[in-house]
Structure formats: C-alpha cells, structure tokens
C-alpha cells in the first residue's frame, strides 16, 4: 500500500508518502501564481497543484490519497480562504478520479492534532502560530527532519502532512517505523 497524504493550500501544499512501513518522503509543494489578477494567480496555482499531485501519484504508484479536511470557520473574513481550500479539495478529487483510486480519506485538523500532540478543546484559544509549532515539535520528536526556510521557520505544511498520515495509519492499524525507532 502506497499512501499520499496532503495538507493542501493554494500557496504551499505539504505532502508525505508512506511505502513499505515507513514515511519514505515528505516535503512541500510551493505553488507560484502567474497572472495579472488574484483570480488568474489562484487559477494558475490550482493548475500547478493538479499537475504536481498527479505526478506524485504516478511516480510513487499511490494506491490511496489522504488529506486534511477543510476547517470550517464562521469568520466572514476567512470566507475566501475556505473557497480556495474548497477548490484545492476539488483538485484532489479530480486527481483521485484520474487514477481511479479509492475514495479520498479526509481527516479533520482537530483529529490529527489530538493524535499528534494531545489537542483538546481548551487549546482552541492558542494562536495559529502555536498550533503550527506544536505540530512541528510532535513530528520532530518522532525523528522527522522538517525543511526550514531562510529565516529558520520550520515547514508546518510538511509537518501537517506527516501528522495527517500518521493519524490515518494509526486509525487503520497500519505499521509505521519512525526515524527515531529505526
């Protein structure tokens, strides 16, 4: 079973690939928007996302897609972000259909956080930055090396994709050997 886990977004999509009982590869797909308008740039990034996901499926002979579900926020200021995430979800569904894979398994963000770092409702008031930092620390404790940007910030998209994958593997009792346990 080869599983591709994705933490989708329109600028950077984290991914992790499960093969032969280990997370064999992980990283982030950086998407660049070209165009004169926000709409053109977003459409360009979504087209890139489709191509990149299809390439990963083909290259790694993926048999199952797993992805973070959309976080529904009632904040009207985040409406456009939810719309873009919905479009990203559509890209995943189209990629999945292209390769005739089983239905995508979507995992809610709070489920992955609970699995990886013991998220509880009382953590709801933590800042977004602290949520990201906690997931990065949880993944690093297992021995995974996260990429960093030139400012030293850890790639939280990569961490989320690994966390989503581990959550899926544990829920389905699939064995995984982490770098720290090798």
N, C-alpha and C. Protein backbone atom coordinates (compact mmCIF):
# COMPACT_ATOMS: atom_id res chain seq x y z
N UNK A 1 0.84 -1.18 0.00
CA UNK A 1 0.00 0.00 0.00
C UNK A 1 0.89 1.24 0.00
N UNK A 2 0.70 2.11 -0.98
CA UNK A 2 1.42 3.37 -1.06
C UNK A 2 0.42 4.50 -0.87
N UNK A 3 0.64 5.30 0.15
CA UNK A 3 -0.33 6.33 0.54
C UNK A 3 0.31 7.71 0.39
N UNK A 4 -0.46 8.63 -0.21
CA UNK A 4 -0.04 10.02 -0.33
C UNK A 4 -0.93 10.84 0.59
N UNK A 5 -0.31 11.54 1.53
CA UNK A 5 -1.01 12.41 2.46
C UNK A 5 -0.74 13.85 2.06
N UNK A 6 -1.81 14.68 2.08
CA UNK A 6 -1.67 16.07 1.65
C UNK A 6 -2.32 17.03 2.64
N UNK A 7 -1.61 18.12 2.87
CA UNK A 7 -2.15 19.27 3.61
C UNK A 7 -2.23 20.39 2.57
N UNK A 8 -3.39 20.50 1.93
CA UNK A 8 -3.50 21.39 0.77
C UNK A 8 -3.73 22.84 1.15
N UNK A 9 -3.15 23.68 0.32
CA UNK A 9 -3.38 25.13 0.36
C UNK A 9 -2.96 25.65 -1.00
N UNK A 10 -3.31 26.87 -1.28
CA UNK A 10 -3.06 27.38 -2.63
C UNK A 10 -1.65 27.95 -2.82
N UNK A 11 -0.89 28.12 -1.76
CA UNK A 11 0.48 28.62 -1.90
C UNK A 11 1.51 27.53 -1.62
N UNK A 12 1.22 26.68 -0.65
CA UNK A 12 2.14 25.61 -0.27
C UNK A 12 1.33 24.42 0.20
N UNK A 13 1.58 23.27 -0.40
CA UNK A 13 0.87 22.05 -0.03
C UNK A 13 1.89 21.05 0.52
N UNK A 14 1.68 20.66 1.76
CA UNK A 14 2.56 19.67 2.37
C UNK A 14 2.18 18.28 1.88
N UNK A 15 3.18 17.40 1.77
CA UNK A 15 2.89 16.02 1.38
C UNK A 15 3.79 15.06 2.14
N UNK A 16 3.30 13.84 2.29
CA UNK A 16 4.06 12.75 2.89
C UNK A 16 3.65 11.46 2.20
N UNK A 17 4.63 10.59 1.97
CA UNK A 17 4.38 9.36 1.23
C UNK A 17 4.77 8.16 2.10
N UNK A 18 3.82 7.25 2.24
CA UNK A 18 4.00 6.02 3.01
C UNK A 18 4.25 4.87 2.04
N UNK A 19 5.38 4.17 2.25
CA UNK A 19 5.73 2.99 1.46
C UNK A 19 6.45 2.01 2.37
N UNK A 20 6.11 0.76 2.24
CA UNK A 20 6.84 -0.31 2.92
C UNK A 20 7.03 -0.06 4.41
N UNK A 21 5.99 0.44 5.08
CA UNK A 21 6.02 0.59 6.53
C UNK A 21 6.75 1.81 7.05
N UNK A 22 7.15 2.73 6.16
CA UNK A 22 7.80 3.96 6.62
C UNK A 22 7.26 5.16 5.83
N UNK A 23 7.49 6.32 6.38
CA UNK A 23 7.19 7.54 5.65
C UNK A 23 8.46 7.81 4.85
N UNK A 24 8.39 7.44 3.57
CA UNK A 24 9.57 7.41 2.71
C UNK A 24 10.01 8.78 2.23
N UNK A 25 9.06 9.70 2.13
CA UNK A 25 9.39 11.03 1.60
C UNK A 25 8.36 12.02 2.13
N UNK A 26 8.80 13.23 2.34
CA UNK A 26 7.87 14.30 2.72
C UNK A 26 8.48 15.63 2.31
N UNK A 27 7.62 16.62 2.22
CA UNK A 27 8.08 17.95 1.84
C UNK A 27 6.90 18.86 1.60
N UNK A 28 7.14 19.90 0.83
CA UNK A 28 6.07 20.84 0.49
C UNK A 28 6.20 21.22 -0.97
N UNK A 29 5.06 21.34 -1.60
CA UNK A 29 4.97 21.78 -2.98
C UNK A 29 4.70 23.27 -2.94
N UNK A 30 5.64 24.06 -3.41
CA UNK A 30 5.47 25.51 -3.46
C UNK A 30 4.81 25.88 -4.77
N UNK A 31 3.73 26.61 -4.72
CA UNK A 31 2.96 26.98 -5.91
C UNK A 31 3.11 28.47 -6.17
N UNK A 32 3.45 28.81 -7.38
CA UNK A 32 3.64 30.21 -7.77
C UNK A 32 2.51 30.63 -8.69
N UNK A 33 1.88 31.72 -8.36
CA UNK A 33 0.79 32.23 -9.18
C UNK A 33 1.26 33.25 -10.19
N UNK A 34 0.99 33.00 -11.45
CA UNK A 34 1.30 33.96 -12.51
C UNK A 34 -0.01 34.54 -13.02
N UNK A 35 0.01 35.80 -13.36
CA UNK A 35 -1.19 36.44 -13.88
C UNK A 35 -1.30 37.86 -13.39
N UNK A 36 -2.25 38.57 -13.96
CA UNK A 36 -2.43 39.98 -13.62
C UNK A 36 -3.43 40.22 -12.49
N UNK A 37 -4.29 39.23 -12.23
CA UNK A 37 -5.30 39.40 -11.19
C UNK A 37 -5.17 38.29 -10.15
N UNK A 38 -5.79 38.50 -8.99
CA UNK A 38 -5.80 37.45 -7.96
C UNK A 38 -6.43 36.18 -8.50
N UNK A 39 -7.49 36.32 -9.27
CA UNK A 39 -8.19 35.17 -9.84
C UNK A 39 -7.27 34.38 -10.77
N UNK A 40 -6.54 35.08 -11.64
CA UNK A 40 -5.61 34.41 -12.55
C UNK A 40 -4.49 33.72 -11.79
N UNK A 41 -3.96 34.38 -10.76
CA UNK A 41 -2.88 33.78 -9.98
C UNK A 41 -3.37 32.54 -9.23
N UNK A 42 -4.56 32.62 -8.66
CA UNK A 42 -5.12 31.47 -7.94
C UNK A 42 -5.36 30.32 -8.90
N UNK A 43 -5.94 30.61 -10.05
CA UNK A 43 -6.19 29.56 -11.04
C UNK A 43 -4.88 28.91 -11.48
N UNK A 44 -3.85 29.70 -11.68
CA UNK A 44 -2.55 29.17 -12.08
C UNK A 44 -1.99 28.24 -11.00
N UNK A 45 -2.11 28.64 -9.73
CA UNK A 45 -1.62 27.79 -8.63
C UNK A 45 -2.42 26.49 -8.56
N UNK A 46 -3.73 26.56 -8.77
CA UNK A 46 -4.57 25.35 -8.73
C UNK A 46 -4.20 24.39 -9.86
N UNK A 47 -3.91 24.93 -11.03
CA UNK A 47 -3.47 24.10 -12.15
C UNK A 47 -2.15 23.41 -11.81
N UNK A 48 -1.23 24.15 -11.19
CA UNK A 48 0.06 23.56 -10.77
C UNK A 48 -0.17 22.45 -9.75
N UNK A 49 -1.08 22.69 -8.80
CA UNK A 49 -1.38 21.70 -7.77
C UNK A 49 -1.85 20.39 -8.41
N UNK A 50 -2.74 20.50 -9.39
CA UNK A 50 -3.24 19.30 -10.08
C UNK A 50 -2.09 18.52 -10.71
N UNK A 51 -1.23 19.21 -11.43
CA UNK A 51 -0.11 18.55 -12.11
C UNK A 51 0.82 17.91 -11.09
N UNK A 52 1.15 18.63 -10.02
CA UNK A 52 2.08 18.11 -9.01
C UNK A 52 1.52 16.89 -8.30
N UNK A 53 0.22 16.94 -7.94
CA UNK A 53 -0.40 15.79 -7.26
C UNK A 53 -0.43 14.59 -8.21
N UNK A 54 -0.81 14.81 -9.45
CA UNK A 54 -0.82 13.71 -10.43
C UNK A 54 0.58 13.12 -10.60
N UNK A 55 1.60 13.97 -10.62
CA UNK A 55 2.98 13.49 -10.74
C UNK A 55 3.38 12.63 -9.55
N UNK A 56 3.00 13.05 -8.34
CA UNK A 56 3.31 12.25 -7.14
C UNK A 56 2.59 10.90 -7.18
N UNK A 57 1.33 10.91 -7.58
CA UNK A 57 0.55 9.66 -7.66
C UNK A 57 1.22 8.70 -8.64
N UNK A 58 1.58 9.20 -9.79
CA UNK A 58 2.19 8.38 -10.83
C UNK A 58 3.59 7.89 -10.42
N UNK A 59 4.42 8.80 -9.99
CA UNK A 59 5.81 8.47 -9.65
C UNK A 59 5.91 7.42 -8.54
N UNK A 60 5.04 7.56 -7.51
CA UNK A 60 5.13 6.69 -6.33
C UNK A 60 4.11 5.56 -6.34
N UNK A 61 3.39 5.40 -7.45
CA UNK A 61 2.38 4.33 -7.58
C UNK A 61 1.42 4.34 -6.39
N UNK A 62 0.88 5.50 -6.11
CA UNK A 62 -0.01 5.70 -4.96
C UNK A 62 -1.28 4.88 -5.13
N UNK A 63 -1.71 4.26 -4.03
CA UNK A 63 -2.94 3.46 -4.03
C UNK A 63 -4.04 4.09 -3.16
N UNK A 64 -3.68 5.12 -2.37
CA UNK A 64 -4.68 5.78 -1.51
C UNK A 64 -4.24 7.22 -1.26
N UNK A 65 -5.21 8.15 -1.37
CA UNK A 65 -4.97 9.55 -1.00
C UNK A 65 -5.62 9.81 0.35
N UNK A 66 -4.92 10.57 1.18
CA UNK A 66 -5.42 11.03 2.48
C UNK A 66 -5.14 12.52 2.53
N UNK A 67 -6.10 13.30 3.01
CA UNK A 67 -5.90 14.75 3.03
C UNK A 67 -6.58 15.37 4.24
N UNK A 68 -6.06 16.53 4.62
CA UNK A 68 -6.68 17.29 5.70
C UNK A 68 -8.00 17.84 5.20
N UNK A 69 -9.03 17.70 6.01
CA UNK A 69 -10.34 18.23 5.67
C UNK A 69 -10.33 19.75 5.84
N UNK A 70 -11.27 20.39 5.23
CA UNK A 70 -11.38 21.85 5.32
C UNK A 70 -11.87 22.22 6.71
N UNK A 71 -11.20 23.17 7.32
CA UNK A 71 -11.62 23.69 8.62
C UNK A 71 -12.68 24.74 8.37
N UNK A 72 -13.88 24.47 8.85
CA UNK A 72 -14.98 25.42 8.66
C UNK A 72 -14.91 26.49 9.73
N UNK A 73 -14.78 27.70 9.30
CA UNK A 73 -14.70 28.84 10.21
C UNK A 73 -15.84 29.78 9.89
N UNK A 74 -16.54 30.19 10.89
CA UNK A 74 -17.68 31.08 10.67
C UNK A 74 -17.26 32.54 10.48
N UNK A 75 -15.96 32.81 10.59
CA UNK A 75 -15.46 34.16 10.42
C UNK A 75 -15.61 34.59 8.96
N UNK A 76 -16.41 35.63 8.67
CA UNK A 76 -16.60 36.03 7.28
C UNK A 76 -15.32 36.51 6.60
N UNK A 77 -14.32 36.93 7.37
CA UNK A 77 -13.05 37.37 6.80
C UNK A 77 -12.27 36.19 6.20
N UNK A 78 -12.62 34.98 6.62
CA UNK A 78 -11.91 33.79 6.13
C UNK A 78 -12.70 33.09 5.02
N UNK A 79 -13.74 33.72 4.54
CA UNK A 79 -14.59 33.12 3.51
C UNK A 79 -13.79 32.79 2.25
N UNK A 80 -12.97 33.72 1.79
CA UNK A 80 -12.21 33.47 0.55
C UNK A 80 -11.20 32.33 0.76
N UNK A 81 -10.62 32.21 1.95
CA UNK A 81 -9.69 31.11 2.22
C UNK A 81 -10.43 29.78 2.14
N UNK A 82 -11.64 29.71 2.68
CA UNK A 82 -12.43 28.48 2.59
C UNK A 82 -12.79 28.15 1.15
N UNK A 83 -13.05 29.17 0.36
CA UNK A 83 -13.37 28.94 -1.06
C UNK A 83 -12.16 28.36 -1.79
N UNK A 84 -10.98 28.90 -1.53
CA UNK A 84 -9.76 28.38 -2.18
C UNK A 84 -9.48 26.96 -1.71
N UNK A 85 -9.65 26.69 -0.41
CA UNK A 85 -9.44 25.34 0.10
C UNK A 85 -10.44 24.37 -0.52
N UNK A 86 -11.66 24.84 -0.76
CA UNK A 86 -12.66 24.02 -1.44
C UNK A 86 -12.22 23.70 -2.86
N UNK A 87 -11.63 24.67 -3.53
CA UNK A 87 -11.11 24.44 -4.89
C UNK A 87 -9.95 23.44 -4.84
N UNK A 88 -9.09 23.55 -3.83
CA UNK A 88 -7.99 22.59 -3.67
C UNK A 88 -8.55 21.18 -3.45
N UNK A 89 -9.60 21.08 -2.68
CA UNK A 89 -10.24 19.79 -2.44
C UNK A 89 -10.75 19.21 -3.76
N UNK A 90 -11.34 20.07 -4.58
CA UNK A 90 -11.80 19.63 -5.89
C UNK A 90 -10.66 19.11 -6.76
N UNK A 91 -9.51 19.76 -6.67
CA UNK A 91 -8.32 19.31 -7.40
C UNK A 91 -7.93 17.90 -6.95
N UNK A 92 -7.97 17.67 -5.65
CA UNK A 92 -7.62 16.33 -5.13
C UNK A 92 -8.60 15.29 -5.62
N UNK A 93 -9.88 15.63 -5.61
CA UNK A 93 -10.91 14.69 -6.08
C UNK A 93 -10.70 14.38 -7.56
N UNK A 94 -10.39 15.40 -8.36
CA UNK A 94 -10.13 15.19 -9.78
C UNK A 94 -8.88 14.33 -9.99
N UNK A 95 -7.82 14.58 -9.24
CA UNK A 95 -6.60 13.78 -9.34
C UNK A 95 -6.88 12.33 -8.97
N UNK A 96 -7.64 12.17 -7.91
CA UNK A 96 -8.02 10.84 -7.44
C UNK A 96 -8.79 10.08 -8.52
N UNK A 97 -9.75 10.76 -9.14
CA UNK A 97 -10.57 10.15 -10.19
C UNK A 97 -9.72 9.82 -11.42
N UNK A 98 -8.78 10.68 -11.74
CA UNK A 98 -7.89 10.47 -12.89
C UNK A 98 -7.18 9.12 -12.81
N UNK A 99 -6.79 8.74 -11.59
CA UNK A 99 -6.05 7.49 -11.39
C UNK A 99 -6.93 6.36 -10.85
N UNK A 100 -8.24 6.60 -10.79
CA UNK A 100 -9.21 5.59 -10.36
C UNK A 100 -8.84 4.97 -9.00
N UNK A 101 -8.45 5.84 -8.07
CA UNK A 101 -8.11 5.40 -6.72
C UNK A 101 -9.37 5.30 -5.88
N UNK A 102 -9.30 4.56 -4.75
CA UNK A 102 -10.44 4.54 -3.83
C UNK A 102 -10.73 5.96 -3.34
N UNK A 103 -11.92 6.14 -2.81
CA UNK A 103 -12.33 7.45 -2.32
C UNK A 103 -11.29 8.04 -1.36
N UNK A 104 -11.03 9.33 -1.49
CA UNK A 104 -10.08 10.02 -0.61
C UNK A 104 -10.59 9.99 0.82
N UNK A 105 -9.67 9.80 1.74
CA UNK A 105 -10.00 9.86 3.17
C UNK A 105 -9.61 11.26 3.66
N UNK A 106 -10.60 12.02 4.11
CA UNK A 106 -10.35 13.35 4.65
C UNK A 106 -10.32 13.27 6.16
N UNK A 107 -9.32 13.88 6.76
CA UNK A 107 -9.15 13.86 8.21
C UNK A 107 -9.27 15.29 8.74
N UNK A 108 -10.10 15.46 9.73
CA UNK A 108 -10.31 16.78 10.32
C UNK A 108 -9.04 17.23 11.04
N UNK A 109 -8.72 18.53 10.94
CA UNK A 109 -7.49 19.03 11.58
C UNK A 109 -7.42 18.73 13.08
N UNK A 110 -8.55 18.85 13.78
CA UNK A 110 -8.52 18.62 15.24
C UNK A 110 -8.24 17.15 15.56
N UNK A 111 -8.63 16.22 14.68
CA UNK A 111 -8.34 14.80 14.90
C UNK A 111 -6.84 14.55 14.78
N UNK A 112 -6.20 15.12 13.77
CA UNK A 112 -4.75 14.95 13.61
C UNK A 112 -4.02 15.61 14.77
N UNK A 113 -4.47 16.78 15.21
CA UNK A 113 -3.82 17.46 16.34
C UNK A 113 -3.95 16.64 17.61
N UNK A 114 -5.13 16.06 17.82
CA UNK A 114 -5.34 15.24 19.02
C UNK A 114 -4.41 14.02 18.98
N UNK A 115 -4.29 13.40 17.83
CA UNK A 115 -3.43 12.22 17.66
C UNK A 115 -1.95 12.57 17.88
N UNK A 116 -1.54 13.70 17.34
CA UNK A 116 -0.12 14.05 17.33
C UNK A 116 0.35 14.77 18.59
N UNK A 117 -0.45 15.67 19.13
CA UNK A 117 0.03 16.41 20.30
C UNK A 117 -0.99 16.58 21.41
N UNK A 118 -2.03 15.76 21.40
CA UNK A 118 -2.98 15.78 22.50
C UNK A 118 -3.89 16.99 22.52
N UNK A 119 -4.25 17.48 21.32
CA UNK A 119 -5.15 18.64 21.22
C UNK A 119 -6.42 18.39 22.01
N UNK A 120 -6.82 19.37 22.76
CA UNK A 120 -8.08 19.35 23.49
C UNK A 120 -8.79 20.68 23.23
N UNK A 121 -10.08 20.70 23.52
CA UNK A 121 -10.87 21.90 23.27
C UNK A 121 -10.26 23.12 23.96
N UNK A 122 -9.61 22.92 25.10
CA UNK A 122 -9.01 24.04 25.82
C UNK A 122 -7.86 24.67 25.04
N UNK A 123 -7.32 23.97 24.05
CA UNK A 123 -6.26 24.51 23.22
C UNK A 123 -6.79 25.39 22.09
N UNK A 124 -8.10 25.49 22.00
CA UNK A 124 -8.72 26.25 20.90
C UNK A 124 -8.25 27.70 20.89
N UNK A 125 -7.95 28.25 22.06
CA UNK A 125 -7.57 29.66 22.14
C UNK A 125 -6.08 29.91 21.88
N UNK A 126 -5.32 28.85 21.61
CA UNK A 126 -3.92 29.06 21.26
C UNK A 126 -3.85 29.75 19.90
N UNK A 127 -2.80 30.50 19.70
CA UNK A 127 -2.63 31.18 18.41
C UNK A 127 -2.37 30.16 17.30
N UNK A 128 -2.62 30.58 16.08
CA UNK A 128 -2.36 29.72 14.93
C UNK A 128 -0.88 29.35 14.88
N UNK A 129 -0.02 30.29 15.21
CA UNK A 129 1.42 30.04 15.22
C UNK A 129 1.77 28.95 16.23
N UNK A 130 1.13 28.96 17.40
CA UNK A 130 1.41 27.94 18.41
C UNK A 130 0.90 26.57 17.97
N UNK A 131 -0.26 26.52 17.30
CA UNK A 131 -0.76 25.25 16.75
C UNK A 131 0.27 24.67 15.78
N UNK A 132 0.79 25.53 14.89
CA UNK A 132 1.78 25.09 13.91
C UNK A 132 3.05 24.60 14.60
N UNK A 133 3.51 25.35 15.59
CA UNK A 133 4.74 24.99 16.31
C UNK A 133 4.58 23.66 17.03
N UNK A 134 3.42 23.42 17.63
CA UNK A 134 3.20 22.17 18.34
C UNK A 134 3.23 20.97 17.40
N UNK A 135 2.64 21.12 16.21
CA UNK A 135 2.67 20.01 15.25
C UNK A 135 4.10 19.77 14.78
N UNK A 136 4.84 20.83 14.54
CA UNK A 136 6.25 20.67 14.14
C UNK A 136 7.03 19.93 15.21
N UNK A 137 6.86 20.30 16.47
CA UNK A 137 7.58 19.65 17.56
C UNK A 137 7.19 18.18 17.68
N UNK A 138 5.90 17.88 17.53
CA UNK A 138 5.42 16.50 17.64
C UNK A 138 6.03 15.61 16.56
N UNK A 139 6.11 16.12 15.35
CA UNK A 139 6.68 15.38 14.23
C UNK A 139 8.19 15.21 14.42
N UNK A 140 8.86 16.26 14.87
CA UNK A 140 10.31 16.18 15.09
C UNK A 140 10.66 15.21 16.22
N UNK A 141 9.80 15.10 17.24
CA UNK A 141 10.05 14.15 18.33
C UNK A 141 10.11 12.71 17.81
N UNK A 142 9.43 12.45 16.69
CA UNK A 142 9.45 11.12 16.09
C UNK A 142 10.68 10.90 15.20
N UNK A 143 11.47 11.97 15.02
CA UNK A 143 12.70 11.86 14.27
C UNK A 143 12.64 12.39 12.84
N UNK A 144 11.54 12.98 12.45
CA UNK A 144 11.43 13.52 11.09
C UNK A 144 12.13 14.87 11.02
N UNK A 145 12.84 15.08 9.93
CA UNK A 145 13.55 16.33 9.70
C UNK A 145 12.68 17.23 8.83
N UNK A 146 12.28 18.35 9.39
CA UNK A 146 11.45 19.30 8.64
C UNK A 146 12.34 20.30 7.92
N UNK A 147 11.95 20.64 6.74
CA UNK A 147 12.69 21.65 5.99
C UNK A 147 12.47 23.01 6.66
N UNK A 148 13.44 23.89 6.53
CA UNK A 148 13.31 25.24 7.09
C UNK A 148 13.52 26.26 5.98
N UNK A 149 12.90 27.42 6.16
CA UNK A 149 13.11 28.49 5.18
C UNK A 149 14.35 29.28 5.57
N UNK A 150 14.67 30.30 4.79
CA UNK A 150 15.91 31.05 5.05
C UNK A 150 15.86 31.82 6.36
N UNK A 151 14.66 31.97 6.95
CA UNK A 151 14.54 32.63 8.24
C UNK A 151 14.57 31.64 9.40
N UNK A 152 14.73 30.36 9.08
CA UNK A 152 14.77 29.34 10.11
C UNK A 152 13.42 28.81 10.54
N UNK A 153 12.34 29.21 9.86
CA UNK A 153 11.00 28.71 10.19
C UNK A 153 10.81 27.31 9.64
N UNK A 154 10.30 26.42 10.49
CA UNK A 154 10.07 25.04 10.09
C UNK A 154 8.85 24.96 9.17
N UNK A 155 8.86 24.00 8.27
CA UNK A 155 7.78 23.84 7.30
C UNK A 155 6.59 23.15 7.96
N UNK A 156 5.62 23.94 8.39
CA UNK A 156 4.46 23.38 9.07
C UNK A 156 3.53 22.63 8.11
N UNK A 157 3.58 22.94 6.81
CA UNK A 157 2.77 22.19 5.85
C UNK A 157 3.28 20.75 5.75
N UNK A 158 4.58 20.60 5.73
CA UNK A 158 5.20 19.27 5.73
C UNK A 158 4.83 18.53 7.03
N UNK A 159 4.92 19.22 8.16
CA UNK A 159 4.58 18.62 9.45
C UNK A 159 3.12 18.17 9.48
N UNK A 160 2.22 19.01 8.98
CA UNK A 160 0.80 18.65 8.97
C UNK A 160 0.55 17.42 8.10
N UNK A 161 1.21 17.34 6.94
CA UNK A 161 1.02 16.18 6.06
C UNK A 161 1.50 14.91 6.75
N UNK A 162 2.63 14.98 7.46
CA UNK A 162 3.12 13.82 8.21
C UNK A 162 2.13 13.47 9.32
N UNK A 163 1.64 14.47 10.03
CA UNK A 163 0.67 14.23 11.11
C UNK A 163 -0.63 13.61 10.60
N UNK A 164 -1.11 14.06 9.47
CA UNK A 164 -2.32 13.51 8.86
C UNK A 164 -2.08 12.05 8.49
N UNK A 165 -0.92 11.78 7.91
CA UNK A 165 -0.59 10.41 7.50
C UNK A 165 -0.49 9.49 8.72
N UNK A 166 0.18 9.92 9.75
CA UNK A 166 0.30 9.11 10.97
C UNK A 166 -1.08 8.85 11.58
N UNK A 167 -1.93 9.86 11.58
CA UNK A 167 -3.29 9.70 12.10
C UNK A 167 -4.03 8.63 11.31
N UNK A 168 -3.93 8.68 10.00
CA UNK A 168 -4.59 7.68 9.15
C UNK A 168 -4.02 6.29 9.41
N UNK A 169 -2.69 6.18 9.45
CA UNK A 169 -2.06 4.88 9.66
C UNK A 169 -2.49 4.28 11.00
N UNK A 170 -2.49 5.08 12.06
CA UNK A 170 -2.88 4.58 13.37
C UNK A 170 -4.35 4.16 13.39
N UNK A 171 -5.22 4.93 12.73
CA UNK A 171 -6.65 4.61 12.70
C UNK A 171 -6.92 3.30 11.96
N UNK A 172 -6.04 2.96 11.03
CA UNK A 172 -6.23 1.74 10.23
C UNK A 172 -5.25 0.62 10.64
N UNK A 173 -4.61 0.79 11.78
CA UNK A 173 -3.67 -0.21 12.32
C UNK A 173 -2.62 -0.63 11.31
N UNK A 174 -2.12 0.34 10.55
CA UNK A 174 -1.05 0.07 9.60
C UNK A 174 0.28 0.36 10.27
N UNK A 175 1.25 -0.54 10.12
CA UNK A 175 2.52 -0.36 10.81
C UNK A 175 3.34 0.79 10.20
N UNK A 176 4.01 1.52 11.06
CA UNK A 176 4.90 2.58 10.58
C UNK A 176 6.12 2.63 11.51
N UNK A 177 7.28 2.66 10.90
CA UNK A 177 8.52 2.81 11.66
C UNK A 177 9.00 4.24 11.49
N UNK A 178 9.10 4.95 12.59
CA UNK A 178 9.55 6.35 12.56
C UNK A 178 11.08 6.39 12.64
N UNK A 179 11.69 7.46 12.15
CA UNK A 179 13.17 7.57 12.17
C UNK A 179 13.79 7.34 13.54
N UNK A 180 13.14 7.80 14.62
CA UNK A 180 13.72 7.65 15.97
C UNK A 180 13.70 6.21 16.44
N UNK A 181 12.82 5.38 15.84
CA UNK A 181 12.71 4.00 16.30
C UNK A 181 13.49 3.03 15.42
N UNK A 182 14.16 3.52 14.38
CA UNK A 182 14.93 2.65 13.48
C UNK A 182 16.20 2.17 14.16
